[in-house]
N, C-alpha and C. Protein backbone atom coordinates (compact mmCIF):
# COMPACT_ATOMS: atom_id res chain seq x y z
N MET A 1 16.13 0.89 21.56
CA MET A 1 15.99 1.19 20.13
C MET A 1 14.81 0.43 19.56
N ASP A 2 13.98 1.13 18.77
CA ASP A 2 12.81 0.50 18.18
C ASP A 2 13.24 -0.51 17.12
N LYS A 3 12.85 -1.78 17.31
CA LYS A 3 13.24 -2.82 16.36
C LYS A 3 12.27 -2.91 15.19
N GLY A 4 11.20 -2.11 15.22
CA GLY A 4 10.28 -2.08 14.10
C GLY A 4 9.14 -3.07 14.20
N TYR A 5 9.10 -3.85 15.29
CA TYR A 5 8.04 -4.83 15.50
C TYR A 5 7.59 -4.79 16.96
N LEU A 6 6.33 -5.15 17.15
CA LEU A 6 5.83 -5.38 18.50
C LEU A 6 5.58 -6.88 18.63
N ASP A 7 6.35 -7.53 19.48
CA ASP A 7 6.15 -8.96 19.73
C ASP A 7 5.16 -9.13 20.87
N LEU A 8 4.12 -9.91 20.62
CA LEU A 8 3.13 -10.13 21.67
C LEU A 8 2.47 -11.50 21.49
N GLU A 9 1.78 -11.90 22.52
CA GLU A 9 1.06 -13.18 22.50
C GLU A 9 -0.38 -12.95 22.92
N ILE A 10 -1.31 -13.44 22.11
CA ILE A 10 -2.73 -13.29 22.40
C ILE A 10 -3.39 -14.67 22.36
N ASN A 11 -3.99 -15.05 23.46
CA ASN A 11 -4.66 -16.36 23.55
C ASN A 11 -3.73 -17.51 23.15
N GLY A 12 -2.48 -17.40 23.59
CA GLY A 12 -1.52 -18.47 23.34
C GLY A 12 -0.88 -18.45 21.97
N LYS A 13 -1.22 -17.47 21.14
CA LYS A 13 -0.65 -17.36 19.80
C LYS A 13 0.27 -16.15 19.72
N LYS A 14 1.45 -16.34 19.13
CA LYS A 14 2.43 -15.26 19.05
C LYS A 14 2.23 -14.43 17.78
N TYR A 15 2.43 -13.13 17.92
CA TYR A 15 2.26 -12.21 16.80
C TYR A 15 3.47 -11.28 16.71
N LYS A 16 3.70 -10.79 15.50
CA LYS A 16 4.78 -9.84 15.23
C LYS A 16 4.14 -8.70 14.44
N LEU A 17 3.80 -7.62 15.12
CA LEU A 17 3.09 -6.51 14.50
C LEU A 17 4.09 -5.44 14.03
N PRO A 18 4.08 -5.09 12.73
CA PRO A 18 4.98 -4.04 12.24
C PRO A 18 4.65 -2.71 12.92
N THR A 19 5.68 -1.98 13.32
CA THR A 19 5.46 -0.70 14.00
C THR A 19 6.16 0.46 13.28
N SER A 20 6.58 0.23 12.03
CA SER A 20 7.20 1.30 11.26
C SER A 20 7.04 1.01 9.77
N TRP A 21 7.21 2.06 8.97
CA TRP A 21 7.15 1.89 7.51
C TRP A 21 8.26 0.97 7.01
N HIS A 22 9.34 0.85 7.76
CA HIS A 22 10.47 0.04 7.34
C HIS A 22 10.21 -1.45 7.48
N THR A 23 9.30 -1.82 8.39
CA THR A 23 9.03 -3.24 8.60
C THR A 23 7.68 -3.68 8.05
N LEU A 24 6.86 -2.73 7.65
CA LEU A 24 5.58 -3.05 7.03
C LEU A 24 5.81 -3.27 5.54
N THR A 25 5.40 -4.42 5.02
CA THR A 25 5.61 -4.69 3.59
C THR A 25 4.47 -4.11 2.76
N LEU A 26 4.73 -3.95 1.47
CA LEU A 26 3.71 -3.42 0.57
C LEU A 26 2.49 -4.34 0.54
N GLU A 27 2.72 -5.64 0.59
CA GLU A 27 1.60 -6.59 0.60
C GLU A 27 0.75 -6.41 1.85
N GLN A 28 1.37 -6.26 3.00
CA GLN A 28 0.61 -6.06 4.24
C GLN A 28 -0.21 -4.78 4.17
N TYR A 29 0.38 -3.74 3.63
CA TYR A 29 -0.32 -2.46 3.51
C TYR A 29 -1.53 -2.57 2.58
N CYS A 30 -1.33 -3.19 1.43
CA CYS A 30 -2.42 -3.32 0.46
C CYS A 30 -3.57 -4.15 1.04
N LYS A 31 -3.24 -5.21 1.74
CA LYS A 31 -4.27 -6.05 2.33
C LYS A 31 -4.99 -5.35 3.48
N ALA A 32 -4.26 -4.54 4.24
CA ALA A 32 -4.86 -3.84 5.38
C ALA A 32 -5.91 -2.84 4.94
N PHE A 33 -5.69 -2.17 3.80
CA PHE A 33 -6.59 -1.13 3.34
C PHE A 33 -7.52 -1.57 2.21
N TYR A 34 -7.54 -2.86 1.93
CA TYR A 34 -8.36 -3.37 0.83
C TYR A 34 -9.85 -3.34 1.17
N LYS A 35 -10.61 -2.66 0.34
CA LYS A 35 -12.07 -2.60 0.45
C LYS A 35 -12.56 -2.24 1.85
N LEU A 36 -11.98 -1.23 2.43
CA LEU A 36 -12.51 -0.72 3.69
C LEU A 36 -13.82 0.01 3.42
N PRO A 37 -14.75 0.02 4.37
CA PRO A 37 -16.01 0.75 4.16
C PRO A 37 -15.75 2.24 3.96
N LYS A 38 -16.52 2.83 3.07
CA LYS A 38 -16.32 4.25 2.73
C LYS A 38 -17.17 5.14 3.62
N ILE A 39 -16.63 6.30 3.94
CA ILE A 39 -17.35 7.29 4.75
C ILE A 39 -18.20 8.15 3.83
N ASP A 40 -19.46 8.23 4.14
CA ASP A 40 -20.41 9.03 3.36
C ASP A 40 -20.59 10.38 4.04
N ASP A 41 -20.51 11.45 3.24
CA ASP A 41 -20.65 12.81 3.79
C ASP A 41 -22.02 13.02 4.45
N GLU A 42 -23.00 12.23 4.04
CA GLU A 42 -24.34 12.39 4.59
C GLU A 42 -24.52 11.68 5.93
N MET A 43 -23.52 10.94 6.34
CA MET A 43 -23.60 10.24 7.63
C MET A 43 -23.57 11.24 8.78
N SER A 44 -24.16 10.87 9.89
CA SER A 44 -24.07 11.69 11.09
C SER A 44 -22.66 11.57 11.66
N ASP A 45 -22.28 12.50 12.50
CA ASP A 45 -20.95 12.47 13.10
C ASP A 45 -20.73 11.19 13.91
N ILE A 46 -21.79 10.74 14.55
CA ILE A 46 -21.69 9.50 15.35
C ILE A 46 -21.44 8.31 14.44
N ASP A 47 -22.17 8.24 13.32
CA ASP A 47 -21.98 7.12 12.39
C ASP A 47 -20.60 7.16 11.76
N LYS A 48 -20.12 8.36 11.45
CA LYS A 48 -18.77 8.49 10.89
C LYS A 48 -17.73 8.00 11.89
N PHE A 49 -17.91 8.39 13.14
CA PHE A 49 -16.98 7.98 14.19
C PHE A 49 -16.96 6.46 14.33
N LYS A 50 -18.14 5.85 14.34
CA LYS A 50 -18.24 4.39 14.46
C LYS A 50 -17.56 3.70 13.29
N LEU A 51 -17.78 4.23 12.06
CA LEU A 51 -17.20 3.62 10.87
C LEU A 51 -15.69 3.72 10.88
N ILE A 52 -15.19 4.86 11.32
CA ILE A 52 -13.74 5.05 11.40
C ILE A 52 -13.13 4.08 12.41
N ARG A 53 -13.77 3.94 13.56
CA ARG A 53 -13.27 3.01 14.58
C ARG A 53 -13.34 1.56 14.09
N GLU A 54 -14.40 1.21 13.35
CA GLU A 54 -14.51 -0.14 12.80
C GLU A 54 -13.42 -0.39 11.77
N SER A 55 -13.15 0.61 10.93
CA SER A 55 -12.09 0.48 9.93
C SER A 55 -10.74 0.30 10.60
N GLU A 56 -10.55 1.03 11.67
CA GLU A 56 -9.32 0.94 12.44
C GLU A 56 -9.11 -0.48 12.98
N SER A 57 -10.17 -1.08 13.49
CA SER A 57 -10.07 -2.43 14.03
C SER A 57 -9.83 -3.46 12.94
N VAL A 58 -10.41 -3.23 11.76
CA VAL A 58 -10.19 -4.13 10.62
C VAL A 58 -8.73 -4.08 10.20
N ILE A 59 -8.17 -2.89 10.11
CA ILE A 59 -6.77 -2.72 9.73
C ILE A 59 -5.87 -3.46 10.71
N LEU A 60 -6.11 -3.29 11.99
CA LEU A 60 -5.32 -3.97 13.02
C LEU A 60 -5.42 -5.49 12.87
N SER A 61 -6.64 -5.97 12.68
CA SER A 61 -6.86 -7.42 12.55
C SER A 61 -6.09 -7.98 11.35
N ARG A 62 -6.12 -7.26 10.23
CA ARG A 62 -5.43 -7.73 9.03
C ARG A 62 -3.92 -7.70 9.20
N LEU A 63 -3.42 -6.68 9.89
CA LEU A 63 -1.98 -6.62 10.13
C LEU A 63 -1.50 -7.77 11.01
N LEU A 64 -2.40 -8.28 11.83
CA LEU A 64 -2.07 -9.45 12.66
C LEU A 64 -2.28 -10.75 11.90
N GLY A 65 -2.85 -10.65 10.69
CA GLY A 65 -3.10 -11.85 9.89
C GLY A 65 -4.35 -12.60 10.31
N GLU A 66 -5.29 -11.90 10.93
CA GLU A 66 -6.51 -12.53 11.42
C GLU A 66 -7.74 -12.04 10.64
N ASP A 67 -8.90 -12.62 10.95
CA ASP A 67 -10.15 -12.19 10.34
C ASP A 67 -10.46 -10.74 10.73
N ASP A 68 -11.28 -10.09 9.91
CA ASP A 68 -11.52 -8.66 10.09
C ASP A 68 -12.08 -8.27 11.45
N ASP A 69 -12.81 -9.16 12.09
CA ASP A 69 -13.44 -8.81 13.37
C ASP A 69 -12.63 -9.26 14.59
N PHE A 70 -11.43 -9.74 14.36
CA PHE A 70 -10.61 -10.30 15.45
C PHE A 70 -10.38 -9.30 16.58
N CYS A 71 -9.97 -8.09 16.24
CA CYS A 71 -9.59 -7.12 17.27
C CYS A 71 -10.78 -6.56 18.05
N LEU A 72 -11.97 -6.73 17.52
CA LEU A 72 -13.15 -6.24 18.23
C LEU A 72 -13.37 -6.98 19.55
N ASP A 73 -12.86 -8.19 19.64
CA ASP A 73 -13.06 -9.00 20.84
C ASP A 73 -11.89 -8.92 21.83
N LEU A 74 -10.90 -8.09 21.52
CA LEU A 74 -9.75 -7.99 22.41
C LEU A 74 -10.05 -7.08 23.60
N PRO A 75 -9.43 -7.33 24.74
CA PRO A 75 -9.57 -6.42 25.88
C PRO A 75 -9.09 -5.02 25.48
N LEU A 76 -9.70 -4.00 26.05
CA LEU A 76 -9.40 -2.63 25.66
C LEU A 76 -7.93 -2.26 25.85
N ASN A 77 -7.30 -2.77 26.89
CA ASN A 77 -5.90 -2.41 27.13
C ASN A 77 -4.99 -2.96 26.03
N ILE A 78 -5.29 -4.18 25.56
CA ILE A 78 -4.50 -4.77 24.48
C ILE A 78 -4.79 -4.05 23.16
N TYR A 79 -6.07 -3.77 22.93
CA TYR A 79 -6.45 -3.05 21.71
C TYR A 79 -5.75 -1.69 21.66
N ALA A 80 -5.72 -0.98 22.78
CA ALA A 80 -5.09 0.34 22.83
C ALA A 80 -3.59 0.24 22.53
N LEU A 81 -2.95 -0.78 23.05
CA LEU A 81 -1.52 -0.99 22.79
C LEU A 81 -1.26 -1.21 21.30
N LEU A 82 -2.08 -2.07 20.70
CA LEU A 82 -1.93 -2.36 19.27
C LEU A 82 -2.17 -1.11 18.44
N ASN A 83 -3.23 -0.41 18.76
CA ASN A 83 -3.60 0.78 17.99
C ASN A 83 -2.52 1.85 18.06
N GLU A 84 -1.97 2.05 19.25
CA GLU A 84 -0.91 3.04 19.42
C GLU A 84 0.34 2.65 18.63
N SER A 85 0.59 1.35 18.53
CA SER A 85 1.79 0.86 17.85
C SER A 85 1.76 1.06 16.34
N VAL A 86 0.58 1.21 15.76
CA VAL A 86 0.48 1.35 14.30
C VAL A 86 0.00 2.73 13.86
N GLN A 87 0.12 3.72 14.72
CA GLN A 87 -0.32 5.07 14.35
C GLN A 87 0.46 5.63 13.16
N PHE A 88 1.66 5.13 12.95
CA PHE A 88 2.46 5.59 11.81
C PHE A 88 1.74 5.38 10.48
N ILE A 89 0.88 4.37 10.42
CA ILE A 89 0.23 4.01 9.15
C ILE A 89 -0.77 5.07 8.69
N TYR A 90 -1.13 5.99 9.58
CA TYR A 90 -2.08 7.05 9.24
C TYR A 90 -1.38 8.37 8.92
N ASP A 91 -0.08 8.33 8.80
CA ASP A 91 0.69 9.53 8.48
C ASP A 91 0.74 9.71 6.96
N GLY A 92 -0.30 10.35 6.41
CA GLY A 92 -0.37 10.54 4.97
C GLY A 92 0.71 11.44 4.42
N ASP A 93 1.27 12.33 5.25
CA ASP A 93 2.32 13.24 4.80
C ASP A 93 3.62 12.51 4.50
N PHE A 94 3.79 11.32 5.07
CA PHE A 94 5.03 10.58 4.87
C PHE A 94 5.32 10.36 3.40
N PHE A 95 4.27 10.01 2.62
CA PHE A 95 4.46 9.68 1.21
C PHE A 95 4.93 10.89 0.41
N MET A 96 4.29 12.02 0.68
CA MET A 96 4.62 13.22 -0.08
C MET A 96 5.99 13.77 0.29
N LYS A 97 6.34 13.73 1.56
CA LYS A 97 7.64 14.23 2.00
C LYS A 97 8.78 13.38 1.46
N ASN A 98 8.52 12.10 1.24
CA ASN A 98 9.57 11.18 0.81
C ASN A 98 9.40 10.68 -0.61
N ALA A 99 8.54 11.34 -1.38
CA ALA A 99 8.27 10.90 -2.76
C ALA A 99 9.57 10.79 -3.55
N LYS A 100 9.68 9.72 -4.32
CA LYS A 100 10.88 9.52 -5.12
C LYS A 100 10.55 8.78 -6.40
N ALA A 101 11.41 8.93 -7.39
CA ALA A 101 11.12 8.41 -8.72
C ALA A 101 11.65 7.01 -8.98
N GLY A 102 12.46 6.48 -8.07
CA GLY A 102 13.04 5.16 -8.32
C GLY A 102 13.14 4.33 -7.05
N ILE A 103 13.48 3.07 -7.24
CA ILE A 103 13.61 2.15 -6.12
C ILE A 103 14.65 1.10 -6.48
N VAL A 104 15.40 0.62 -5.48
CA VAL A 104 16.44 -0.37 -5.72
C VAL A 104 15.93 -1.76 -5.34
N ILE A 105 16.01 -2.68 -6.30
CA ILE A 105 15.63 -4.09 -6.09
C ILE A 105 16.76 -4.96 -6.61
N ASP A 106 17.29 -5.83 -5.77
CA ASP A 106 18.41 -6.70 -6.16
C ASP A 106 19.57 -5.89 -6.74
N ASN A 107 19.89 -4.78 -6.09
CA ASN A 107 21.01 -3.91 -6.48
C ASN A 107 20.83 -3.23 -7.83
N LYS A 108 19.60 -3.22 -8.34
CA LYS A 108 19.31 -2.52 -9.59
C LYS A 108 18.25 -1.46 -9.33
N ARG A 109 18.41 -0.31 -9.96
CA ARG A 109 17.46 0.77 -9.78
C ARG A 109 16.33 0.64 -10.80
N TYR A 110 15.11 0.60 -10.27
CA TYR A 110 13.92 0.50 -11.11
C TYR A 110 13.10 1.78 -11.02
N SER A 111 12.39 2.07 -12.09
CA SER A 111 11.49 3.21 -12.11
C SER A 111 10.39 2.94 -13.12
N ILE A 112 9.41 3.83 -13.17
CA ILE A 112 8.33 3.72 -14.15
C ILE A 112 8.70 4.62 -15.33
N PRO A 113 8.86 4.05 -16.51
CA PRO A 113 9.29 4.86 -17.65
C PRO A 113 8.22 5.83 -18.13
N PRO A 114 8.62 6.89 -18.82
CA PRO A 114 7.64 7.80 -19.41
C PRO A 114 6.77 7.05 -20.41
N MET A 115 5.60 7.57 -20.67
CA MET A 115 4.67 6.91 -21.58
C MET A 115 5.30 6.61 -22.93
N ASP A 116 6.08 7.57 -23.45
CA ASP A 116 6.63 7.39 -24.80
C ASP A 116 7.77 6.37 -24.85
N LYS A 117 8.19 5.89 -23.67
CA LYS A 117 9.23 4.87 -23.63
C LYS A 117 8.65 3.47 -23.36
N MET A 118 7.35 3.40 -23.14
CA MET A 118 6.69 2.12 -22.89
C MET A 118 6.36 1.43 -24.22
N SER A 119 6.39 0.11 -24.16
CA SER A 119 5.91 -0.64 -25.31
C SER A 119 4.39 -0.79 -25.21
N MET A 120 3.76 -1.04 -26.31
CA MET A 120 2.32 -1.26 -26.30
C MET A 120 1.97 -2.45 -25.41
N ARG A 121 2.83 -3.45 -25.42
CA ARG A 121 2.59 -4.65 -24.62
C ARG A 121 2.54 -4.30 -23.14
N GLN A 122 3.48 -3.47 -22.69
CA GLN A 122 3.52 -3.08 -21.28
C GLN A 122 2.29 -2.28 -20.90
N PHE A 123 1.91 -1.33 -21.75
CA PHE A 123 0.75 -0.50 -21.46
C PHE A 123 -0.53 -1.34 -21.42
N ILE A 124 -0.67 -2.26 -22.36
CA ILE A 124 -1.87 -3.10 -22.41
C ILE A 124 -1.95 -3.99 -21.18
N ASP A 125 -0.82 -4.60 -20.79
CA ASP A 125 -0.82 -5.46 -19.59
C ASP A 125 -1.23 -4.67 -18.35
N ALA A 126 -0.72 -3.44 -18.24
CA ALA A 126 -1.09 -2.60 -17.09
C ALA A 126 -2.57 -2.26 -17.13
N ASP A 127 -3.07 -1.95 -18.29
CA ASP A 127 -4.48 -1.59 -18.44
C ASP A 127 -5.39 -2.78 -18.13
N VAL A 128 -4.98 -3.97 -18.55
CA VAL A 128 -5.76 -5.18 -18.29
C VAL A 128 -5.85 -5.44 -16.79
N VAL A 129 -4.74 -5.25 -16.08
CA VAL A 129 -4.74 -5.47 -14.63
C VAL A 129 -5.71 -4.51 -13.94
N MET A 130 -5.70 -3.25 -14.34
CA MET A 130 -6.55 -2.27 -13.69
C MET A 130 -8.02 -2.43 -14.05
N LYS A 131 -8.30 -3.01 -15.19
CA LYS A 131 -9.69 -3.23 -15.58
C LYS A 131 -10.20 -4.60 -15.15
N GLY A 132 -9.30 -5.42 -14.61
CA GLY A 132 -9.68 -6.75 -14.18
C GLY A 132 -10.38 -6.74 -12.83
N GLU A 133 -10.66 -7.92 -12.33
CA GLU A 133 -11.34 -8.03 -11.04
C GLU A 133 -10.46 -7.48 -9.93
N GLU A 134 -11.04 -6.64 -9.10
CA GLU A 134 -10.28 -6.00 -8.03
C GLU A 134 -9.81 -7.04 -7.02
N SER A 135 -8.59 -6.87 -6.55
CA SER A 135 -8.04 -7.78 -5.54
C SER A 135 -7.06 -7.00 -4.67
N ASP A 136 -6.67 -7.61 -3.54
CA ASP A 136 -5.74 -6.93 -2.65
C ASP A 136 -4.30 -6.98 -3.18
N MET A 137 -4.09 -7.66 -4.31
CA MET A 137 -2.76 -7.71 -4.92
C MET A 137 -2.70 -6.90 -6.21
N GLN A 138 -3.74 -6.17 -6.51
CA GLN A 138 -3.84 -5.47 -7.79
C GLN A 138 -2.72 -4.44 -8.00
N TYR A 139 -2.42 -3.65 -6.97
CA TYR A 139 -1.38 -2.65 -7.12
C TYR A 139 0.00 -3.26 -7.20
N ILE A 140 0.19 -4.36 -6.51
CA ILE A 140 1.47 -5.06 -6.57
C ILE A 140 1.68 -5.62 -7.97
N GLU A 141 0.63 -6.17 -8.54
CA GLU A 141 0.72 -6.68 -9.91
C GLU A 141 0.98 -5.55 -10.89
N LEU A 142 0.31 -4.42 -10.69
CA LEU A 142 0.50 -3.28 -11.57
C LEU A 142 1.94 -2.75 -11.51
N LEU A 143 2.46 -2.58 -10.30
CA LEU A 143 3.83 -2.11 -10.16
C LEU A 143 4.83 -3.08 -10.78
N SER A 144 4.56 -4.36 -10.66
CA SER A 144 5.45 -5.37 -11.22
C SER A 144 5.52 -5.27 -12.74
N ILE A 145 4.46 -4.81 -13.35
CA ILE A 145 4.42 -4.60 -14.79
C ILE A 145 5.13 -3.29 -15.18
N LEU A 146 4.90 -2.27 -14.40
CA LEU A 146 5.37 -0.93 -14.77
C LEU A 146 6.86 -0.71 -14.53
N LEU A 147 7.41 -1.32 -13.51
CA LEU A 147 8.80 -1.05 -13.15
C LEU A 147 9.78 -1.64 -14.16
N LEU A 148 10.66 -0.78 -14.64
CA LEU A 148 11.71 -1.20 -15.56
C LEU A 148 13.04 -0.65 -15.07
N THR A 149 14.12 -1.24 -15.55
CA THR A 149 15.45 -0.75 -15.23
C THR A 149 16.12 -0.27 -16.51
N GLN A 150 17.27 0.35 -16.37
CA GLN A 150 17.98 0.90 -17.52
C GLN A 150 19.36 0.27 -17.65
N ASP A 151 19.91 0.27 -18.89
CA ASP A 151 21.25 -0.27 -19.10
C ASP A 151 22.29 0.79 -18.80
N GLU A 152 23.55 0.47 -19.04
CA GLU A 152 24.64 1.38 -18.71
C GLU A 152 24.58 2.68 -19.51
N LYS A 153 23.90 2.66 -20.64
CA LYS A 153 23.78 3.86 -21.47
C LYS A 153 22.55 4.68 -21.13
N GLY A 154 21.80 4.21 -20.12
CA GLY A 154 20.60 4.93 -19.73
C GLY A 154 19.38 4.61 -20.56
N GLU A 155 19.48 3.57 -21.39
CA GLU A 155 18.34 3.15 -22.20
C GLU A 155 17.47 2.17 -21.42
N TRP A 156 16.16 2.29 -21.57
CA TRP A 156 15.25 1.40 -20.86
C TRP A 156 15.34 -0.02 -21.41
N ILE A 157 15.53 -0.98 -20.50
CA ILE A 157 15.54 -2.39 -20.90
C ILE A 157 14.10 -2.80 -21.16
N PRO A 158 13.79 -3.29 -22.36
CA PRO A 158 12.40 -3.55 -22.76
C PRO A 158 11.66 -4.50 -21.83
N TYR A 159 10.38 -4.24 -21.66
CA TYR A 159 9.47 -5.10 -20.89
C TYR A 159 9.30 -6.42 -21.62
N ASP A 160 9.46 -7.54 -20.88
CA ASP A 160 9.39 -8.86 -21.53
C ASP A 160 8.09 -9.61 -21.25
N GLY A 161 7.20 -8.99 -20.45
CA GLY A 161 5.91 -9.64 -20.17
C GLY A 161 5.95 -10.65 -19.04
N LYS A 162 7.13 -10.97 -18.53
CA LYS A 162 7.25 -11.97 -17.47
C LYS A 162 7.30 -11.27 -16.10
N TYR A 163 6.21 -10.62 -15.76
CA TYR A 163 6.21 -9.82 -14.54
C TYR A 163 5.89 -10.64 -13.28
N GLU A 164 5.46 -11.88 -13.46
CA GLU A 164 5.09 -12.69 -12.30
C GLU A 164 6.28 -12.87 -11.33
N LYS A 165 7.48 -13.02 -11.89
CA LYS A 165 8.66 -13.17 -11.04
C LYS A 165 8.91 -11.91 -10.24
N MET A 166 8.61 -10.78 -10.84
CA MET A 166 8.82 -9.50 -10.18
C MET A 166 7.85 -9.31 -9.02
N MET A 167 6.68 -9.90 -9.10
CA MET A 167 5.66 -9.71 -8.08
C MET A 167 6.14 -10.15 -6.70
N GLU A 168 6.90 -11.24 -6.65
CA GLU A 168 7.38 -11.75 -5.37
C GLU A 168 8.30 -10.74 -4.70
N LYS A 169 9.09 -10.04 -5.50
CA LYS A 169 10.00 -9.04 -4.96
C LYS A 169 9.24 -7.78 -4.55
N VAL A 170 8.29 -7.38 -5.37
CA VAL A 170 7.54 -6.16 -5.11
C VAL A 170 6.67 -6.31 -3.87
N ARG A 171 6.05 -7.45 -3.70
CA ARG A 171 5.14 -7.65 -2.56
C ARG A 171 5.87 -7.57 -1.23
N ASN A 172 7.17 -7.89 -1.22
CA ASN A 172 7.95 -7.89 0.01
C ASN A 172 8.74 -6.61 0.22
N LEU A 173 8.55 -5.62 -0.65
CA LEU A 173 9.24 -4.35 -0.47
C LEU A 173 8.75 -3.66 0.80
N PRO A 174 9.64 -3.04 1.57
CA PRO A 174 9.18 -2.27 2.73
C PRO A 174 8.41 -1.05 2.25
N CYS A 175 7.40 -0.66 2.96
CA CYS A 175 6.59 0.50 2.56
C CYS A 175 7.40 1.79 2.55
N SER A 176 8.46 1.84 3.35
CA SER A 176 9.31 3.02 3.36
C SER A 176 9.95 3.25 2.00
N GLU A 177 10.08 2.18 1.21
CA GLU A 177 10.64 2.29 -0.14
C GLU A 177 9.55 2.34 -1.20
N ALA A 178 8.55 1.48 -1.06
CA ALA A 178 7.55 1.32 -2.12
C ALA A 178 6.54 2.45 -2.20
N LEU A 179 5.99 2.89 -1.07
CA LEU A 179 4.90 3.86 -1.11
C LEU A 179 5.32 5.25 -1.59
N PRO A 180 6.50 5.75 -1.23
CA PRO A 180 6.91 7.03 -1.80
C PRO A 180 7.00 6.98 -3.33
N LEU A 181 7.40 5.83 -3.87
CA LEU A 181 7.45 5.66 -5.32
C LEU A 181 6.04 5.66 -5.91
N VAL A 182 5.13 4.90 -5.28
CA VAL A 182 3.75 4.83 -5.75
C VAL A 182 3.11 6.21 -5.78
N PHE A 183 3.26 6.94 -4.69
CA PHE A 183 2.62 8.25 -4.62
C PHE A 183 3.30 9.27 -5.52
N HIS A 184 4.56 9.09 -5.81
CA HIS A 184 5.25 9.99 -6.74
C HIS A 184 4.57 9.95 -8.10
N PHE A 185 4.21 8.75 -8.53
CA PHE A 185 3.65 8.60 -9.87
C PHE A 185 2.14 8.73 -9.91
N PHE A 186 1.45 8.23 -8.90
CA PHE A 186 -0.01 8.24 -8.97
C PHE A 186 -0.63 9.45 -8.28
N LYS A 187 -0.12 9.83 -7.14
CA LYS A 187 -0.67 11.00 -6.46
C LYS A 187 -0.33 12.27 -7.21
N LYS A 188 0.91 12.39 -7.65
CA LYS A 188 1.33 13.58 -8.38
C LYS A 188 0.98 13.51 -9.86
N GLY A 189 0.57 12.35 -10.31
CA GLY A 189 0.13 12.20 -11.69
C GLY A 189 1.25 12.40 -12.70
N LEU A 190 2.46 11.93 -12.38
CA LEU A 190 3.59 12.15 -13.28
C LEU A 190 3.71 11.08 -14.37
N ALA A 191 2.90 10.04 -14.27
CA ALA A 191 2.96 9.00 -15.30
C ALA A 191 1.63 8.27 -15.38
N LEU A 192 1.37 7.70 -16.52
CA LEU A 192 0.20 6.86 -16.75
C LEU A 192 -1.12 7.54 -16.40
N LYS A 193 -1.28 8.78 -16.85
CA LYS A 193 -2.51 9.50 -16.54
C LYS A 193 -3.72 8.83 -17.19
N LYS A 194 -3.50 8.10 -18.27
CA LYS A 194 -4.62 7.44 -18.93
C LYS A 194 -5.17 6.29 -18.08
N LEU A 195 -4.33 5.79 -17.16
CA LEU A 195 -4.81 4.75 -16.25
C LEU A 195 -5.48 5.43 -15.06
N SER A 196 -6.53 6.18 -15.36
CA SER A 196 -7.18 7.00 -14.33
C SER A 196 -7.77 6.16 -13.20
N LYS A 197 -8.13 4.95 -13.50
CA LYS A 197 -8.70 4.09 -12.47
C LYS A 197 -7.70 3.85 -11.36
N ALA A 198 -6.44 3.69 -11.73
CA ALA A 198 -5.39 3.48 -10.73
C ALA A 198 -5.26 4.71 -9.85
N TYR A 199 -5.26 5.88 -10.47
CA TYR A 199 -5.14 7.12 -9.70
C TYR A 199 -6.30 7.29 -8.74
N LEU A 200 -7.52 7.05 -9.23
CA LEU A 200 -8.70 7.25 -8.40
C LEU A 200 -8.71 6.31 -7.20
N LYS A 201 -8.28 5.09 -7.39
CA LYS A 201 -8.27 4.14 -6.28
C LYS A 201 -7.21 4.51 -5.25
N MET A 202 -6.07 4.98 -5.70
CA MET A 202 -5.06 5.43 -4.76
C MET A 202 -5.56 6.65 -3.99
N GLU A 203 -6.32 7.51 -4.67
CA GLU A 203 -6.88 8.69 -4.02
C GLU A 203 -7.86 8.27 -2.93
N GLU A 204 -8.66 7.22 -3.17
CA GLU A 204 -9.60 6.74 -2.17
C GLU A 204 -8.86 6.25 -0.92
N VAL A 205 -7.75 5.54 -1.14
CA VAL A 205 -6.95 5.07 -0.02
C VAL A 205 -6.42 6.25 0.78
N ASN A 206 -5.94 7.26 0.07
CA ASN A 206 -5.38 8.43 0.75
C ASN A 206 -6.45 9.16 1.55
N GLN A 207 -7.66 9.26 1.01
CA GLN A 207 -8.75 9.91 1.73
C GLN A 207 -9.10 9.14 2.99
N GLN A 208 -9.06 7.81 2.91
CA GLN A 208 -9.34 6.98 4.09
C GLN A 208 -8.29 7.23 5.16
N LEU A 209 -7.03 7.32 4.72
CA LEU A 209 -5.94 7.62 5.65
C LEU A 209 -6.17 8.95 6.35
N GLN A 210 -6.51 9.98 5.58
CA GLN A 210 -6.69 11.28 6.15
C GLN A 210 -7.89 11.31 7.11
N SER A 211 -8.95 10.59 6.78
CA SER A 211 -10.13 10.55 7.64
C SER A 211 -9.79 9.99 9.01
N ILE A 212 -9.01 8.91 9.02
CA ILE A 212 -8.64 8.27 10.27
C ILE A 212 -7.66 9.14 11.03
N GLU A 213 -6.70 9.72 10.29
CA GLU A 213 -5.67 10.54 10.93
C GLU A 213 -6.27 11.76 11.61
N ASN A 214 -7.30 12.34 11.01
CA ASN A 214 -7.89 13.57 11.54
C ASN A 214 -9.02 13.34 12.52
N SER A 215 -9.33 12.06 12.79
CA SER A 215 -10.46 11.76 13.69
C SER A 215 -10.08 12.03 15.14
């Protein structure tokens, strides 16, 4: 039975590589795909192939918690094993097939409220995060602001501005839970359309996924 991890040792150091959406955390995913080089349509097929392979090695290196060029120096047999183990990460259809509007955290169901149910404070905080300096934690911070829960009557519990505590929980969410929620709202555009920057950046990530998957 697949335990969701590949345990291995490289140069005397032990690693635990996630091999499924259930064991890959949202933080690991965001860091793996942060600021990858973009494929230019004007590139030659050879250059595109090289860039895709380089991006692939960067993703692997980051998932192992190493510098971006770490996997480039690995023996081909080890590199091939690692690469095969993380092929799930290029399955862009996973998000759309499993898209959902809510997520359970600490036995409470959270979701992103409709625009007309948001407070100005919540919207401004989200907007500030997206207009701020880009980082590999930007989407985690944004989700921590946007996610709200409801009371027994179905009324949204107001945003209190203390989203930092939520970030620790959001960053450790398994991608099998977090990414379908993210794509439900940003890929399908069901909420926060005015935060177009968030949508465009998620679209860039999706295009990178598709480029690698179809290579």
